[in-house]
N, C-alpha and C. Protein backbone atom coordinates (compact mmCIF):
# COMPACT_ATOMS: atom_id res chain seq x y z
N MET A 1 0.85 -1.18 0.00
CA MET A 1 0.00 0.00 0.00
C MET A 1 0.89 1.24 0.00
N ARG A 2 0.77 2.04 -1.02
CA ARG A 2 1.57 3.25 -1.12
C ARG A 2 0.67 4.47 -1.03
N ASN A 3 1.19 5.53 -0.41
CA ASN A 3 0.45 6.77 -0.28
C ASN A 3 1.44 7.90 -0.55
N ASN A 4 1.34 8.51 -1.74
CA ASN A 4 2.25 9.59 -2.13
C ASN A 4 3.71 9.19 -2.02
N GLY A 5 4.00 7.95 -2.41
CA GLY A 5 5.38 7.48 -2.37
C GLY A 5 5.81 6.91 -1.03
N PHE A 6 4.96 7.00 -0.01
CA PHE A 6 5.30 6.46 1.30
C PHE A 6 4.58 5.15 1.52
N ASP A 7 5.14 4.31 2.37
CA ASP A 7 4.48 3.06 2.73
C ASP A 7 3.33 3.40 3.66
N ALA A 8 2.11 3.27 3.16
CA ALA A 8 0.93 3.69 3.93
C ALA A 8 0.72 2.82 5.16
N THR A 9 1.08 1.54 5.09
CA THR A 9 0.85 0.68 6.26
C THR A 9 1.64 1.17 7.46
N GLY A 10 2.87 1.57 7.24
CA GLY A 10 3.67 2.11 8.34
C GLY A 10 3.09 3.40 8.89
N LEU A 11 2.60 4.26 7.98
CA LEU A 11 1.98 5.51 8.42
C LEU A 11 0.69 5.25 9.19
N ILE A 12 -0.09 4.27 8.74
CA ILE A 12 -1.34 3.93 9.43
C ILE A 12 -1.05 3.39 10.82
N LYS A 13 -0.07 2.49 10.91
CA LYS A 13 0.30 1.94 12.23
C LYS A 13 0.74 3.05 13.17
N ARG A 14 1.55 3.96 12.67
CA ARG A 14 2.02 5.07 13.51
C ARG A 14 0.87 5.96 13.93
N ASP A 15 -0.02 6.25 13.00
CA ASP A 15 -1.18 7.09 13.29
C ASP A 15 -2.07 6.43 14.34
N ALA A 16 -2.26 5.12 14.22
CA ALA A 16 -3.13 4.40 15.17
C ALA A 16 -2.54 4.41 16.58
N ARG A 17 -1.21 4.38 16.67
CA ARG A 17 -0.57 4.43 18.00
C ARG A 17 -0.84 5.75 18.71
N TRP A 18 -0.87 6.84 17.94
CA TRP A 18 -0.99 8.16 18.54
C TRP A 18 -2.41 8.70 18.52
N ASN A 19 -3.25 8.16 17.67
CA ASN A 19 -4.61 8.66 17.49
C ASN A 19 -5.50 8.19 18.64
N LYS A 20 -6.28 9.09 19.19
CA LYS A 20 -7.18 8.73 20.29
C LYS A 20 -8.56 8.32 19.78
N GLY A 21 -8.75 8.31 18.46
CA GLY A 21 -10.05 7.98 17.89
C GLY A 21 -10.30 6.49 17.85
N SER A 22 -11.51 6.14 17.43
CA SER A 22 -11.89 4.73 17.31
C SER A 22 -11.31 4.16 16.02
N LEU A 23 -11.41 2.84 15.89
CA LEU A 23 -10.93 2.19 14.67
C LEU A 23 -11.71 2.68 13.46
N ARG A 24 -13.00 2.89 13.63
CA ARG A 24 -13.83 3.39 12.51
C ARG A 24 -13.36 4.78 12.08
N GLN A 25 -13.02 5.63 13.04
CA GLN A 25 -12.56 6.98 12.70
C GLN A 25 -11.21 6.93 11.96
N ILE A 26 -10.33 6.05 12.42
CA ILE A 26 -9.02 5.93 11.76
C ILE A 26 -9.20 5.38 10.35
N ALA A 27 -10.07 4.36 10.20
CA ALA A 27 -10.33 3.80 8.87
C ALA A 27 -10.93 4.85 7.95
N GLY A 28 -11.83 5.68 8.48
CA GLY A 28 -12.42 6.75 7.68
C GLY A 28 -11.39 7.79 7.28
N LYS A 29 -10.50 8.12 8.19
CA LYS A 29 -9.46 9.11 7.90
C LYS A 29 -8.56 8.64 6.75
N TRP A 30 -8.24 7.35 6.74
CA TRP A 30 -7.36 6.80 5.71
C TRP A 30 -8.13 6.27 4.50
N ASN A 31 -9.45 6.32 4.58
CA ASN A 31 -10.31 5.88 3.48
C ASN A 31 -10.05 4.42 3.11
N ILE A 32 -10.02 3.57 4.14
CA ILE A 32 -9.85 2.13 3.94
C ILE A 32 -10.95 1.41 4.71
N PRO A 33 -11.31 0.19 4.30
CA PRO A 33 -12.33 -0.56 5.03
C PRO A 33 -11.84 -0.94 6.44
N LEU A 34 -12.78 -1.11 7.33
CA LEU A 34 -12.46 -1.44 8.72
C LEU A 34 -11.69 -2.75 8.81
N TRP A 35 -12.09 -3.76 8.01
CA TRP A 35 -11.41 -5.06 8.05
C TRP A 35 -9.93 -4.92 7.67
N LEU A 36 -9.63 -4.03 6.72
CA LEU A 36 -8.24 -3.83 6.31
C LEU A 36 -7.44 -3.15 7.42
N LEU A 37 -8.05 -2.19 8.09
CA LEU A 37 -7.37 -1.53 9.21
C LEU A 37 -7.05 -2.55 10.30
N LYS A 38 -8.01 -3.42 10.61
CA LYS A 38 -7.77 -4.45 11.64
C LYS A 38 -6.64 -5.37 11.20
N ARG A 39 -6.60 -5.68 9.92
CA ARG A 39 -5.53 -6.55 9.40
C ARG A 39 -4.17 -5.85 9.50
N ILE A 40 -4.12 -4.59 9.16
CA ILE A 40 -2.86 -3.83 9.22
C ILE A 40 -2.36 -3.73 10.66
N LEU A 41 -3.28 -3.54 11.60
CA LEU A 41 -2.89 -3.38 13.01
C LEU A 41 -2.64 -4.72 13.70
N SER A 42 -2.92 -5.82 13.01
CA SER A 42 -2.68 -7.14 13.57
C SER A 42 -1.17 -7.37 13.74
N PRO A 43 -0.75 -8.01 14.83
CA PRO A 43 0.68 -8.28 15.00
C PRO A 43 1.24 -9.21 13.93
N ARG A 44 0.37 -9.96 13.25
CA ARG A 44 0.83 -10.88 12.21
C ARG A 44 1.10 -10.18 10.89
N PHE A 45 0.61 -8.95 10.75
CA PHE A 45 0.82 -8.22 9.50
C PHE A 45 2.29 -7.86 9.39
N PRO A 46 2.91 -8.12 8.25
CA PRO A 46 4.36 -7.88 8.16
C PRO A 46 4.73 -6.41 8.32
N ASP A 47 5.78 -6.19 9.08
CA ASP A 47 6.29 -4.84 9.29
C ASP A 47 7.14 -4.46 8.08
N PRO A 48 6.90 -3.29 7.47
CA PRO A 48 7.68 -2.92 6.30
C PRO A 48 9.16 -2.69 6.61
N ASN A 49 9.47 -2.36 7.83
CA ASN A 49 10.86 -2.14 8.25
C ASN A 49 11.14 -2.96 9.50
N PRO A 50 11.31 -4.27 9.35
CA PRO A 50 11.53 -5.08 10.55
C PRO A 50 12.85 -4.73 11.22
N ALA A 51 12.86 -4.87 12.52
CA ALA A 51 14.09 -4.59 13.28
C ALA A 51 15.14 -5.64 12.95
N GLU A 52 16.37 -5.19 12.78
CA GLU A 52 17.45 -6.13 12.51
C GLU A 52 17.79 -6.90 13.78
N ARG A 53 18.10 -8.14 13.59
CA ARG A 53 18.50 -8.96 14.72
C ARG A 53 20.01 -9.13 14.69
N ALA A 54 20.58 -9.07 15.85
CA ALA A 54 22.04 -9.22 15.94
C ALA A 54 22.39 -10.68 15.69
N PHE A 55 23.47 -10.88 14.97
CA PHE A 55 23.93 -12.22 14.66
C PHE A 55 25.16 -12.50 15.51
N MET A 56 25.12 -13.60 16.25
CA MET A 56 26.21 -13.94 17.14
C MET A 56 26.97 -15.13 16.56
N THR A 57 28.20 -14.89 16.14
CA THR A 57 29.03 -15.99 15.64
C THR A 57 29.64 -16.73 16.82
N GLU A 58 30.11 -17.93 16.54
CA GLU A 58 30.74 -18.73 17.60
C GLU A 58 31.99 -18.03 18.13
N GLY A 59 32.75 -17.42 17.22
CA GLY A 59 33.96 -16.70 17.64
C GLY A 59 33.65 -15.53 18.55
N ASN A 60 32.62 -14.76 18.21
CA ASN A 60 32.22 -13.63 19.06
C ASN A 60 31.70 -14.11 20.41
N TYR A 61 30.94 -15.21 20.39
CA TYR A 61 30.43 -15.76 21.65
C TYR A 61 31.60 -16.15 22.56
N ARG A 62 32.58 -16.86 21.99
CA ARG A 62 33.74 -17.28 22.80
C ARG A 62 34.51 -16.07 23.32
N ARG A 63 34.65 -15.05 22.49
CA ARG A 63 35.39 -13.85 22.90
C ARG A 63 34.66 -13.15 24.06
N ILE A 64 33.33 -13.04 23.94
CA ILE A 64 32.55 -12.40 25.01
C ILE A 64 32.63 -13.23 26.28
N LYS A 65 32.55 -14.55 26.14
CA LYS A 65 32.64 -15.42 27.32
C LYS A 65 34.01 -15.29 27.98
N THR A 66 35.06 -15.18 27.17
CA THR A 66 36.41 -14.99 27.72
C THR A 66 36.49 -13.67 28.48
N HIS A 67 35.93 -12.62 27.91
CA HIS A 67 35.92 -11.32 28.60
C HIS A 67 35.15 -11.42 29.92
N TYR A 68 34.03 -12.14 29.90
CA TYR A 68 33.24 -12.33 31.12
C TYR A 68 34.09 -13.03 32.19
N LEU A 69 34.76 -14.10 31.79
CA LEU A 69 35.57 -14.86 32.74
C LEU A 69 36.77 -14.06 33.25
N GLN A 70 37.25 -13.10 32.45
CA GLN A 70 38.36 -12.24 32.88
C GLN A 70 37.89 -11.12 33.80
N GLY A 71 36.57 -10.96 33.94
CA GLY A 71 36.05 -9.95 34.84
C GLY A 71 35.75 -8.61 34.19
N LEU A 72 35.79 -8.53 32.86
CA LEU A 72 35.45 -7.28 32.19
C LEU A 72 33.94 -7.04 32.28
N THR A 73 33.54 -5.80 32.24
CA THR A 73 32.11 -5.45 32.27
C THR A 73 31.55 -5.56 30.85
N PRO A 74 30.22 -5.63 30.71
CA PRO A 74 29.63 -5.65 29.37
C PRO A 74 30.02 -4.42 28.55
N THR A 75 30.10 -3.26 29.19
CA THR A 75 30.47 -2.04 28.46
C THR A 75 31.91 -2.12 27.95
N GLU A 76 32.81 -2.66 28.75
CA GLU A 76 34.20 -2.81 28.31
C GLU A 76 34.29 -3.77 27.12
N THR A 77 33.53 -4.85 27.17
CA THR A 77 33.50 -5.80 26.06
C THR A 77 32.94 -5.15 24.81
N TRP A 78 31.86 -4.40 24.97
CA TRP A 78 31.24 -3.70 23.85
C TRP A 78 32.24 -2.73 23.21
N ARG A 79 32.96 -1.98 24.04
CA ARG A 79 33.96 -1.04 23.51
C ARG A 79 35.09 -1.78 22.78
N TYR A 80 35.44 -2.95 23.30
CA TYR A 80 36.45 -3.77 22.63
C TYR A 80 35.99 -4.11 21.21
N PHE A 81 34.74 -4.54 21.07
CA PHE A 81 34.22 -4.87 19.74
C PHE A 81 34.17 -3.63 18.84
N LEU A 82 33.83 -2.49 19.41
CA LEU A 82 33.81 -1.26 18.60
C LEU A 82 35.20 -0.92 18.09
N ASP A 83 36.20 -1.10 18.94
CA ASP A 83 37.56 -0.70 18.59
C ASP A 83 38.31 -1.71 17.72
N HIS A 84 38.04 -3.01 17.90
CA HIS A 84 38.88 -4.03 17.29
C HIS A 84 38.19 -4.92 16.26
N HIS A 85 36.90 -4.76 16.04
CA HIS A 85 36.19 -5.65 15.12
C HIS A 85 35.24 -4.86 14.24
N ASP A 86 34.94 -5.44 13.09
CA ASP A 86 34.02 -4.76 12.17
C ASP A 86 32.58 -5.24 12.33
N THR A 87 32.32 -6.09 13.31
CA THR A 87 30.95 -6.55 13.54
C THR A 87 30.29 -5.65 14.57
N TRP A 88 29.00 -5.41 14.38
CA TRP A 88 28.23 -4.59 15.31
C TRP A 88 27.42 -5.51 16.21
N ILE A 89 27.71 -5.47 17.49
CA ILE A 89 26.93 -6.21 18.48
C ILE A 89 26.41 -5.18 19.47
N PRO A 90 25.09 -5.03 19.58
CA PRO A 90 24.54 -4.04 20.50
C PRO A 90 24.92 -4.35 21.95
N LEU A 91 25.06 -3.32 22.74
CA LEU A 91 25.39 -3.48 24.16
C LEU A 91 24.33 -4.32 24.87
N THR A 92 23.08 -4.19 24.46
CA THR A 92 22.01 -4.97 25.11
C THR A 92 22.21 -6.47 24.89
N ILE A 93 22.71 -6.86 23.73
CA ILE A 93 22.95 -8.28 23.45
C ILE A 93 24.10 -8.79 24.32
N ILE A 94 25.15 -8.00 24.44
CA ILE A 94 26.29 -8.40 25.27
C ILE A 94 25.86 -8.48 26.74
N THR A 95 25.08 -7.52 27.19
CA THR A 95 24.60 -7.54 28.58
C THR A 95 23.73 -8.76 28.83
N ALA A 96 22.84 -9.09 27.89
CA ALA A 96 21.99 -10.27 28.04
C ALA A 96 22.83 -11.54 28.11
N LEU A 97 23.88 -11.60 27.31
CA LEU A 97 24.76 -12.77 27.35
C LEU A 97 25.51 -12.84 28.68
N TYR A 98 25.94 -11.71 29.22
CA TYR A 98 26.58 -11.69 30.54
C TYR A 98 25.61 -12.22 31.60
N ILE A 99 24.37 -11.81 31.52
CA ILE A 99 23.37 -12.29 32.50
C ILE A 99 23.19 -13.80 32.37
N THR A 100 23.14 -14.29 31.13
CA THR A 100 23.01 -15.73 30.91
C THR A 100 24.22 -16.47 31.46
N LEU A 101 25.40 -15.93 31.22
CA LEU A 101 26.62 -16.57 31.73
C LEU A 101 26.66 -16.56 33.25
N ALA A 102 26.14 -15.51 33.86
CA ALA A 102 26.14 -15.42 35.32
C ALA A 102 25.19 -16.45 35.93
N ARG A 103 24.16 -16.83 35.19
CA ARG A 103 23.19 -17.81 35.71
C ARG A 103 23.65 -19.25 35.52
N GLU A 104 24.63 -19.46 34.65
CA GLU A 104 25.13 -20.82 34.43
C GLU A 104 25.86 -21.30 35.67
N PRO A 105 25.71 -22.58 35.98
CA PRO A 105 26.46 -23.10 37.13
C PRO A 105 27.95 -23.08 36.83
N GLN A 106 28.69 -22.58 37.80
CA GLN A 106 30.15 -22.49 37.64
C GLN A 106 30.77 -23.83 38.00
N PRO A 107 31.86 -24.21 37.33
CA PRO A 107 32.51 -25.47 37.68
C PRO A 107 32.99 -25.44 39.13
N ALA A 108 32.79 -26.54 39.81
CA ALA A 108 33.19 -26.61 41.23
C ALA A 108 34.70 -26.51 41.34
N GLU A 109 35.13 -25.74 42.33
CA GLU A 109 36.57 -25.60 42.55
C GLU A 109 37.09 -26.92 43.11
N SER A 110 38.29 -27.22 42.72
CA SER A 110 38.87 -28.48 43.21
C SER A 110 39.04 -28.39 44.73
N ARG A 111 38.59 -29.42 45.38
CA ARG A 111 38.67 -29.42 46.85
C ARG A 111 40.07 -29.85 47.27
N GLU A 112 40.52 -29.20 48.30
CA GLU A 112 41.84 -29.56 48.81
C GLU A 112 41.74 -30.89 49.54
N SER A 113 42.74 -31.70 49.33
CA SER A 113 42.72 -32.99 50.03
C SER A 113 43.00 -32.76 51.51
N GLN A 114 42.33 -33.54 52.33
CA GLN A 114 42.47 -33.34 53.77
C GLN A 114 43.59 -34.17 54.33
């Protein structure tokens, strides 16, 4: 659906988020049937600009885990990736991985023989 060169579905979704009117009023404003408006506002309707998902390679995972085990903070690890690698990993992804690593059971320390 195009409207003056713009993706109308994205504009309709944005308008519906901010508009205080009823669905019928929004459908009337955009001159579309009510069933189509409900379909556009459905979570199953494809987003024209889906959010990119971060891709975690095995090498990056191991590097982040190594930084975690060395005691670096998520921010320090994130800065390391910014400075030394061409891959973009959001700080939120690194922080979530740190939280996951913190919840994993740690290997038991070797007990001293008595």
